[in-house]
N, C-alpha and C. Protein backbone atom coordinates (compact mmCIF):
# COMPACT_ATOMS: atom_id res chain seq x y z
N MET A 1 100.78 -153.36 -87.55
CA MET A 1 100.66 -151.91 -87.03
C MET A 1 100.74 -150.91 -87.99
N THR A 2 99.85 -150.02 -88.02
CA THR A 2 99.68 -149.03 -89.04
C THR A 2 100.18 -147.76 -88.50
N THR A 3 100.88 -146.77 -89.50
CA THR A 3 101.24 -145.51 -88.94
C THR A 3 100.32 -144.30 -89.32
N GLY A 4 99.12 -144.48 -89.97
CA GLY A 4 98.47 -143.52 -90.34
C GLY A 4 96.84 -143.90 -90.01
N PRO A 5 95.79 -143.05 -90.30
CA PRO A 5 94.49 -143.61 -90.21
C PRO A 5 94.21 -144.50 -91.28
N GLU A 6 93.19 -145.59 -91.04
CA GLU A 6 93.25 -146.49 -91.96
C GLU A 6 92.02 -145.87 -93.14
N HIS A 7 91.41 -144.69 -92.82
CA HIS A 7 90.46 -144.16 -93.60
C HIS A 7 90.80 -142.63 -93.92
N PRO A 8 91.54 -142.14 -94.69
CA PRO A 8 92.08 -140.90 -94.84
C PRO A 8 90.83 -139.60 -94.72
N TYR A 9 89.78 -140.15 -95.19
CA TYR A 9 88.65 -139.25 -95.25
C TYR A 9 87.63 -139.18 -94.21
N GLY A 10 87.78 -139.84 -93.05
CA GLY A 10 86.97 -139.90 -92.08
C GLY A 10 86.77 -141.38 -91.41
N ALA A 11 86.06 -141.33 -90.51
CA ALA A 11 85.97 -142.61 -89.89
C ALA A 11 84.74 -143.37 -90.70
N PRO A 12 85.12 -144.78 -90.60
CA PRO A 12 84.11 -145.54 -91.70
C PRO A 12 82.77 -145.48 -90.92
N GLN A 13 81.91 -145.56 -92.16
CA GLN A 13 80.44 -145.36 -91.52
C GLN A 13 79.89 -147.03 -91.32
N GLU A 14 78.85 -146.83 -90.44
CA GLU A 14 78.54 -148.19 -89.99
C GLU A 14 77.31 -148.68 -91.30
N PRO A 15 77.16 -149.90 -91.47
CA PRO A 15 76.52 -150.39 -92.69
C PRO A 15 75.06 -149.49 -92.77
N GLY A 16 74.54 -149.42 -91.77
CA GLY A 16 73.07 -148.79 -91.71
C GLY A 16 73.12 -147.27 -91.40
N GLN A 17 74.18 -146.74 -91.28
CA GLN A 17 74.23 -145.15 -90.85
C GLN A 17 74.25 -144.26 -92.17
N GLN A 18 73.51 -143.38 -92.09
CA GLN A 18 73.24 -142.43 -93.23
C GLN A 18 74.08 -141.25 -93.11
N PRO A 19 74.57 -140.77 -94.18
CA PRO A 19 75.40 -139.46 -94.20
C PRO A 19 74.65 -138.41 -93.77
N PRO A 20 75.04 -137.39 -93.18
CA PRO A 20 74.30 -136.28 -92.66
C PRO A 20 73.67 -135.71 -93.89
N PRO A 21 72.50 -135.06 -93.57
CA PRO A 21 71.97 -134.38 -94.87
C PRO A 21 72.50 -133.24 -95.16
N PRO A 22 72.30 -132.53 -96.41
CA PRO A 22 72.87 -131.49 -96.87
C PRO A 22 72.36 -130.35 -96.12
N PRO A 23 73.07 -129.14 -96.04
CA PRO A 23 72.33 -127.83 -95.55
C PRO A 23 71.41 -127.41 -96.46
N TYR A 24 70.25 -126.66 -96.03
CA TYR A 24 69.27 -126.43 -96.80
C TYR A 24 69.31 -125.01 -96.85
N GLY A 25 68.83 -124.59 -98.21
CA GLY A 25 68.61 -123.34 -98.69
C GLY A 25 67.34 -122.68 -98.59
N TYR A 26 67.13 -121.76 -99.65
CA TYR A 26 65.88 -120.95 -99.52
C TYR A 26 64.69 -121.96 -100.01
N GLY A 27 63.77 -121.82 -99.42
CA GLY A 27 62.55 -122.70 -99.53
C GLY A 27 62.60 -124.14 -99.05
N GLY A 28 63.54 -124.33 -98.11
CA GLY A 28 63.89 -125.68 -97.64
C GLY A 28 64.39 -126.67 -98.66
N GLN A 29 64.88 -126.26 -99.70
CA GLN A 29 65.49 -127.28 -100.81
C GLN A 29 67.10 -127.28 -100.40
N PRO A 30 67.53 -128.58 -100.65
CA PRO A 30 69.11 -128.50 -100.46
C PRO A 30 69.85 -127.61 -101.48
N TYR A 31 71.11 -127.20 -101.03
CA TYR A 31 71.73 -126.36 -101.72
C TYR A 31 72.02 -127.18 -103.13
N ALA A 32 71.92 -126.40 -104.18
CA ALA A 32 72.29 -127.14 -105.51
C ALA A 32 72.71 -126.00 -106.50
N TYR A 33 73.03 -126.19 -107.42
CA TYR A 33 73.36 -125.41 -108.52
C TYR A 33 71.88 -124.79 -109.23
N ARG A 34 71.84 -123.50 -109.01
CA ARG A 34 70.62 -123.24 -109.64
C ARG A 34 70.85 -122.07 -110.84
N PRO A 35 70.34 -122.32 -111.77
CA PRO A 35 70.96 -121.41 -112.89
C PRO A 35 70.05 -119.81 -112.66
N PRO A 36 70.67 -118.84 -113.01
CA PRO A 36 70.11 -117.55 -112.89
C PRO A 36 68.82 -117.40 -113.56
N VAL A 37 67.94 -116.79 -112.88
CA VAL A 37 66.65 -116.53 -113.46
C VAL A 37 66.69 -115.49 -114.55
N PRO A 38 66.26 -115.55 -115.88
CA PRO A 38 66.24 -114.67 -116.75
C PRO A 38 65.25 -113.53 -116.30
N LYS A 39 66.02 -112.37 -116.69
CA LYS A 39 65.29 -110.98 -116.63
C LYS A 39 64.24 -110.81 -117.46
N HIS A 40 63.11 -110.22 -117.08
CA HIS A 40 62.13 -109.48 -117.97
C HIS A 40 62.77 -108.78 -119.19
N PRO A 41 62.59 -108.85 -120.40
CA PRO A 41 63.31 -108.15 -121.44
C PRO A 41 62.84 -106.69 -121.32
N SER A 42 61.79 -106.09 -120.63
CA SER A 42 61.54 -104.65 -120.26
C SER A 42 62.20 -104.21 -119.22
N ALA A 43 62.56 -105.01 -118.49
CA ALA A 43 63.14 -104.50 -116.97
C ALA A 43 64.21 -103.41 -117.17
N THR A 44 65.30 -103.81 -118.06
CA THR A 44 66.32 -102.90 -117.99
C THR A 44 66.14 -101.87 -119.03
N THR A 45 65.06 -101.86 -119.95
CA THR A 45 64.76 -100.90 -120.65
C THR A 45 64.08 -99.55 -119.96
N ALA A 46 63.20 -100.17 -118.99
CA ALA A 46 62.48 -99.09 -118.01
C ALA A 46 63.40 -98.34 -117.30
N MET A 47 64.43 -99.24 -116.62
CA MET A 47 65.46 -98.38 -115.80
C MET A 47 66.20 -97.47 -116.52
N VAL A 48 66.71 -97.93 -117.64
CA VAL A 48 67.40 -96.92 -118.46
C VAL A 48 66.70 -95.67 -118.89
N LEU A 49 65.55 -95.97 -119.46
CA LEU A 49 64.63 -94.84 -120.03
C LEU A 49 64.52 -93.87 -118.71
N GLY A 50 64.29 -94.39 -117.44
CA GLY A 50 64.23 -93.56 -116.23
C GLY A 50 65.42 -92.70 -115.86
N ILE A 51 66.64 -93.49 -115.76
CA ILE A 51 67.63 -92.96 -115.53
C ILE A 51 68.09 -91.73 -116.63
N ILE A 52 67.89 -92.08 -117.93
CA ILE A 52 68.20 -90.78 -118.89
C ILE A 52 67.24 -89.93 -118.69
N GLY A 53 66.00 -90.06 -118.29
CA GLY A 53 65.03 -88.96 -118.25
C GLY A 53 65.31 -88.23 -117.21
N LEU A 54 65.82 -88.52 -115.99
CA LEU A 54 66.06 -87.63 -115.06
C LEU A 54 67.39 -87.23 -115.01
N VAL A 55 68.39 -87.66 -115.67
CA VAL A 55 69.93 -87.18 -115.59
C VAL A 55 69.98 -86.13 -116.84
N GLY A 56 69.06 -86.17 -117.68
CA GLY A 56 69.13 -85.42 -118.76
C GLY A 56 68.62 -84.03 -118.37
N ILE A 57 67.87 -84.02 -117.40
CA ILE A 57 67.49 -82.59 -116.72
C ILE A 57 68.53 -81.62 -116.51
N LEU A 58 69.64 -82.26 -116.00
CA LEU A 58 70.88 -81.32 -115.89
C LEU A 58 71.68 -81.36 -117.23
N ALA A 59 71.82 -82.48 -117.89
CA ALA A 59 72.65 -82.38 -119.08
C ALA A 59 72.07 -81.61 -120.25
N CYS A 60 70.81 -81.95 -120.35
CA CYS A 60 69.94 -81.32 -121.61
C CYS A 60 69.00 -80.29 -121.46
N GLY A 61 68.89 -79.94 -120.34
CA GLY A 61 68.05 -78.76 -119.91
C GLY A 61 66.62 -79.37 -119.97
N GLY A 62 66.40 -80.54 -119.71
CA GLY A 62 65.13 -81.18 -119.32
C GLY A 62 64.34 -81.84 -120.66
N VAL A 63 65.10 -81.70 -121.77
CA VAL A 63 64.60 -82.14 -123.08
C VAL A 63 64.25 -83.62 -122.93
N THR A 64 65.13 -84.26 -122.25
CA THR A 64 65.02 -85.94 -121.91
C THR A 64 63.87 -86.09 -121.05
N LEU A 65 63.10 -85.40 -120.54
CA LEU A 65 61.87 -85.69 -119.42
C LEU A 65 60.86 -86.27 -120.36
N VAL A 66 60.81 -86.22 -121.70
CA VAL A 66 59.79 -86.84 -122.36
C VAL A 66 59.87 -88.09 -122.54
N LEU A 67 61.14 -88.58 -122.21
CA LEU A 67 61.09 -90.36 -121.91
C LEU A 67 60.80 -90.99 -120.66
N SER A 68 60.32 -89.94 -119.76
CA SER A 68 59.74 -90.45 -118.50
C SER A 68 58.41 -91.15 -118.57
N PRO A 69 57.69 -90.29 -119.25
CA PRO A 69 56.32 -91.40 -119.34
C PRO A 69 56.31 -92.88 -119.86
N PHE A 70 57.25 -93.04 -121.01
CA PHE A 70 57.46 -94.19 -121.36
C PHE A 70 58.32 -95.31 -120.47
N ALA A 71 59.05 -94.55 -119.68
CA ALA A 71 59.65 -95.62 -118.59
C ALA A 71 58.41 -95.99 -117.56
N TRP A 72 57.65 -95.05 -117.31
CA TRP A 72 56.79 -95.40 -116.41
C TRP A 72 55.62 -96.27 -116.83
N ALA A 73 55.29 -96.30 -118.17
CA ALA A 73 54.63 -97.36 -118.88
C ALA A 73 55.15 -98.73 -118.97
N ILE A 74 56.40 -98.57 -119.47
CA ILE A 74 57.22 -99.94 -119.78
C ILE A 74 57.39 -100.70 -118.32
N GLY A 75 57.82 -99.77 -117.34
CA GLY A 75 58.16 -100.29 -116.00
C GLY A 75 56.84 -100.92 -115.49
N SER A 76 55.79 -100.06 -115.43
CA SER A 76 54.59 -100.89 -114.83
C SER A 76 54.11 -102.08 -115.69
N ARG A 77 54.32 -102.04 -116.82
CA ARG A 77 53.77 -103.35 -117.59
C ARG A 77 54.69 -104.49 -117.19
N ALA A 78 55.95 -104.20 -117.21
CA ALA A 78 57.05 -105.37 -116.69
C ALA A 78 56.64 -105.72 -115.42
N VAL A 79 56.39 -104.69 -114.32
CA VAL A 79 56.27 -105.47 -113.20
C VAL A 79 55.14 -106.21 -113.06
N LYS A 80 53.72 -105.88 -113.76
CA LYS A 80 52.62 -106.49 -113.79
C LYS A 80 53.08 -107.96 -114.36
N GLU A 81 53.75 -108.04 -115.37
CA GLU A 81 54.01 -109.29 -115.98
C GLU A 81 54.99 -110.15 -115.20
N ILE A 82 55.84 -109.63 -114.28
CA ILE A 82 56.79 -110.46 -113.57
C ILE A 82 55.88 -111.08 -112.34
N ASP A 83 54.85 -110.17 -111.72
CA ASP A 83 54.26 -110.43 -110.80
C ASP A 83 53.26 -111.74 -111.17
N ALA A 84 52.70 -111.43 -112.32
CA ALA A 84 51.77 -112.71 -112.73
C ALA A 84 52.35 -114.10 -113.20
N ALA A 85 53.81 -114.01 -113.24
CA ALA A 85 54.38 -115.20 -113.58
C ALA A 85 54.73 -116.13 -112.52
N PRO A 86 54.74 -117.53 -112.72
CA PRO A 86 54.88 -118.23 -111.70
C PRO A 86 56.33 -117.73 -110.91
N PRO A 87 56.48 -117.80 -109.47
CA PRO A 87 57.46 -117.23 -108.70
C PRO A 87 58.75 -118.23 -109.37
N GLY A 88 59.87 -117.30 -109.26
CA GLY A 88 61.16 -117.94 -109.77
C GLY A 88 61.31 -118.08 -111.17
N THR A 89 60.50 -117.82 -111.96
CA THR A 89 60.69 -117.79 -113.26
C THR A 89 61.20 -116.72 -114.14
N VAL A 90 60.75 -115.70 -113.81
CA VAL A 90 61.07 -114.28 -114.36
C VAL A 90 61.65 -113.33 -113.24
N GLY A 91 62.85 -112.68 -113.63
CA GLY A 91 63.49 -111.81 -112.63
C GLY A 91 63.42 -110.54 -113.27
N GLY A 92 63.99 -109.55 -112.43
CA GLY A 92 64.18 -108.08 -112.76
C GLY A 92 63.14 -107.23 -112.32
N ARG A 93 62.40 -107.75 -111.34
CA ARG A 93 61.50 -106.82 -110.71
C ARG A 93 61.97 -105.41 -110.16
N ASP A 94 63.00 -105.55 -109.56
CA ASP A 94 63.67 -104.39 -109.15
C ASP A 94 64.15 -103.34 -110.03
N GLU A 95 64.56 -103.76 -111.21
CA GLU A 95 64.80 -102.94 -112.26
C GLU A 95 63.83 -102.23 -112.95
N ALA A 96 62.75 -103.08 -113.13
CA ALA A 96 61.42 -102.57 -113.65
C ALA A 96 60.63 -101.79 -112.72
N ASN A 97 60.85 -101.99 -111.58
CA ASN A 97 60.14 -101.14 -110.38
C ASN A 97 60.89 -99.82 -110.25
N SER A 98 62.26 -99.75 -110.29
CA SER A 98 63.06 -98.37 -110.12
C SER A 98 62.76 -97.67 -111.50
N GLY A 99 62.65 -98.27 -112.60
CA GLY A 99 62.43 -97.40 -113.91
C GLY A 99 61.00 -96.93 -113.84
N ARG A 100 59.99 -97.69 -113.24
CA ARG A 100 58.54 -97.10 -113.05
C ARG A 100 58.61 -96.03 -112.05
N ILE A 101 59.36 -96.13 -110.85
CA ILE A 101 59.26 -95.05 -109.98
C ILE A 101 60.01 -93.73 -110.70
N MET A 102 61.36 -93.92 -111.26
CA MET A 102 61.87 -92.69 -111.98
C MET A 102 61.03 -92.15 -113.05
N GLY A 103 60.19 -93.13 -113.71
CA GLY A 103 59.39 -92.61 -114.58
C GLY A 103 58.26 -91.60 -114.12
N ILE A 104 57.63 -91.99 -113.01
CA ILE A 104 56.71 -91.39 -112.31
C ILE A 104 57.13 -89.96 -111.88
N ILE A 105 58.53 -89.89 -111.31
CA ILE A 105 59.08 -88.74 -110.95
C ILE A 105 59.21 -87.82 -112.06
N GLY A 106 59.84 -88.32 -113.16
CA GLY A 106 60.16 -87.55 -114.36
C GLY A 106 58.89 -86.89 -115.07
N THR A 107 57.86 -87.69 -114.93
CA THR A 107 56.46 -87.30 -115.63
C THR A 107 55.99 -86.18 -114.83
N VAL A 108 56.04 -86.27 -113.49
CA VAL A 108 55.56 -85.10 -112.65
C VAL A 108 56.14 -83.82 -113.07
N LEU A 109 57.77 -84.16 -113.21
CA LEU A 109 58.24 -82.85 -113.45
C LEU A 109 58.12 -82.29 -114.93
N LEU A 110 57.84 -83.18 -115.89
CA LEU A 110 57.42 -82.83 -117.08
C LEU A 110 56.12 -82.03 -116.98
N VAL A 111 55.15 -82.44 -116.24
CA VAL A 111 53.79 -81.74 -116.13
C VAL A 111 54.04 -80.38 -115.62
N LEU A 112 54.66 -80.36 -114.73
CA LEU A 112 55.18 -79.03 -113.90
C LEU A 112 55.85 -78.24 -114.90
N ALA A 113 56.79 -78.57 -115.51
CA ALA A 113 57.43 -77.78 -116.53
C ALA A 113 56.64 -77.16 -117.64
N ALA A 114 55.69 -78.28 -118.11
CA ALA A 114 54.90 -77.72 -119.14
C ALA A 114 53.79 -76.70 -118.62
N LEU A 115 53.36 -76.76 -117.24
CA LEU A 115 52.52 -75.80 -116.87
C LEU A 115 53.16 -74.36 -116.55
N ALA A 116 54.37 -74.49 -116.29
CA ALA A 116 55.09 -73.39 -115.99
C ALA A 116 55.34 -72.58 -117.33
N VAL A 117 55.48 -73.34 -118.49
CA VAL A 117 55.73 -72.69 -119.83
C VAL A 117 54.43 -72.09 -120.13
N VAL A 118 53.20 -72.72 -120.06
CA VAL A 118 51.83 -72.21 -120.37
C VAL A 118 51.64 -70.93 -119.47
N ILE A 119 51.83 -70.97 -118.27
CA ILE A 119 51.54 -69.81 -117.56
C ILE A 119 52.61 -68.72 -117.88
N LEU A 120 53.94 -68.95 -118.23
CA LEU A 120 54.66 -67.89 -118.84
C LEU A 120 54.21 -67.26 -120.17
N VAL A 121 53.56 -68.22 -120.87
CA VAL A 121 53.21 -67.75 -122.23
C VAL A 121 51.75 -66.73 -121.92
N VAL A 122 51.16 -67.27 -120.99
CA VAL A 122 49.76 -66.48 -120.83
C VAL A 122 50.20 -65.24 -120.31
N ALA A 123 51.14 -65.18 -119.26
CA ALA A 123 51.66 -63.80 -118.66
C ALA A 123 52.23 -62.85 -119.58
N LEU A 124 52.91 -63.25 -120.80
CA LEU A 124 53.48 -62.42 -121.61
C LEU A 124 52.54 -61.95 -122.71
N VAL A 125 51.36 -62.63 -123.06
CA VAL A 125 50.48 -62.22 -123.88
C VAL A 125 49.53 -61.24 -123.08
N ALA A 126 49.27 -61.62 -122.01
CA ALA A 126 48.55 -60.42 -121.17
C ALA A 126 49.40 -59.28 -120.97
N VAL A 127 50.32 -59.40 -120.70
CA VAL A 127 51.46 -58.20 -120.61
C VAL A 127 51.39 -57.47 -122.04
N GLY A 128 51.78 -58.33 -122.93
CA GLY A 128 51.75 -57.64 -124.40
C GLY A 128 50.49 -56.90 -124.75
N SER A 129 49.48 -57.39 -124.32
CA SER A 129 48.02 -56.99 -124.95
C SER A 129 47.73 -55.77 -124.26
N SER A 130 47.99 -55.81 -122.90
CA SER A 130 47.65 -54.67 -122.01
C SER A 130 48.62 -53.32 -122.38
N SER A 131 49.94 -53.52 -122.72
CA SER A 131 50.57 -52.54 -123.01
C SER A 131 50.18 -51.88 -124.43
N SER A 132 49.77 -52.81 -125.42
CA SER A 132 49.74 -52.27 -126.66
C SER A 132 48.24 -51.52 -126.70
N SER A 133 47.25 -51.66 -125.83
CA SER A 133 45.92 -50.85 -125.71
C SER A 133 46.30 -49.55 -125.20
N TYR A 134 47.28 -49.44 -124.22
CA TYR A 134 47.61 -48.08 -123.77
C TYR A 134 48.10 -47.17 -124.80
N ASP A 135 49.03 -47.69 -125.69
CA ASP A 135 49.85 -47.09 -126.71
C ASP A 135 48.76 -46.76 -128.07
N SER A 136 47.64 -47.41 -128.34
CA SER A 136 46.92 -47.08 -129.25
C SER A 136 46.03 -45.72 -128.86
N GLY A 137 45.77 -45.46 -127.70
CA GLY A 137 45.01 -44.24 -127.34
C GLY A 137 45.78 -42.87 -127.80
N TYR A 138 47.06 -42.90 -127.76
CA TYR A 138 47.63 -41.62 -127.93
C TYR A 138 48.26 -41.56 -129.27
């Protein structure tokens, strides 16, 4: 007579019985350790440039907006390269895409600021030349 179970880890299996299959993960593959996918080297760069370009509007008076076209270009190139790579080999698409979007926004703001400066200079030149023509007649 025994006082406990003969097999502490469960009932014995029949000789022809298979263990239950492992649970399946993404893509129908069994769960297993998968090393993290390396990020594209330019993904983080594009995101950081986009953040600095937009945050610098408040902190530096808009001087950092000149970084926005670079964030746009680097982010666009990184997204294209990530999409062209075989699936699951290169990561960082979200970072590259967010850097690209922030770069687009910053570039639009940079162009608008440049247009505002040009319009201001033209207006000042026009006002200055019209006032000096009245003074020369007297």
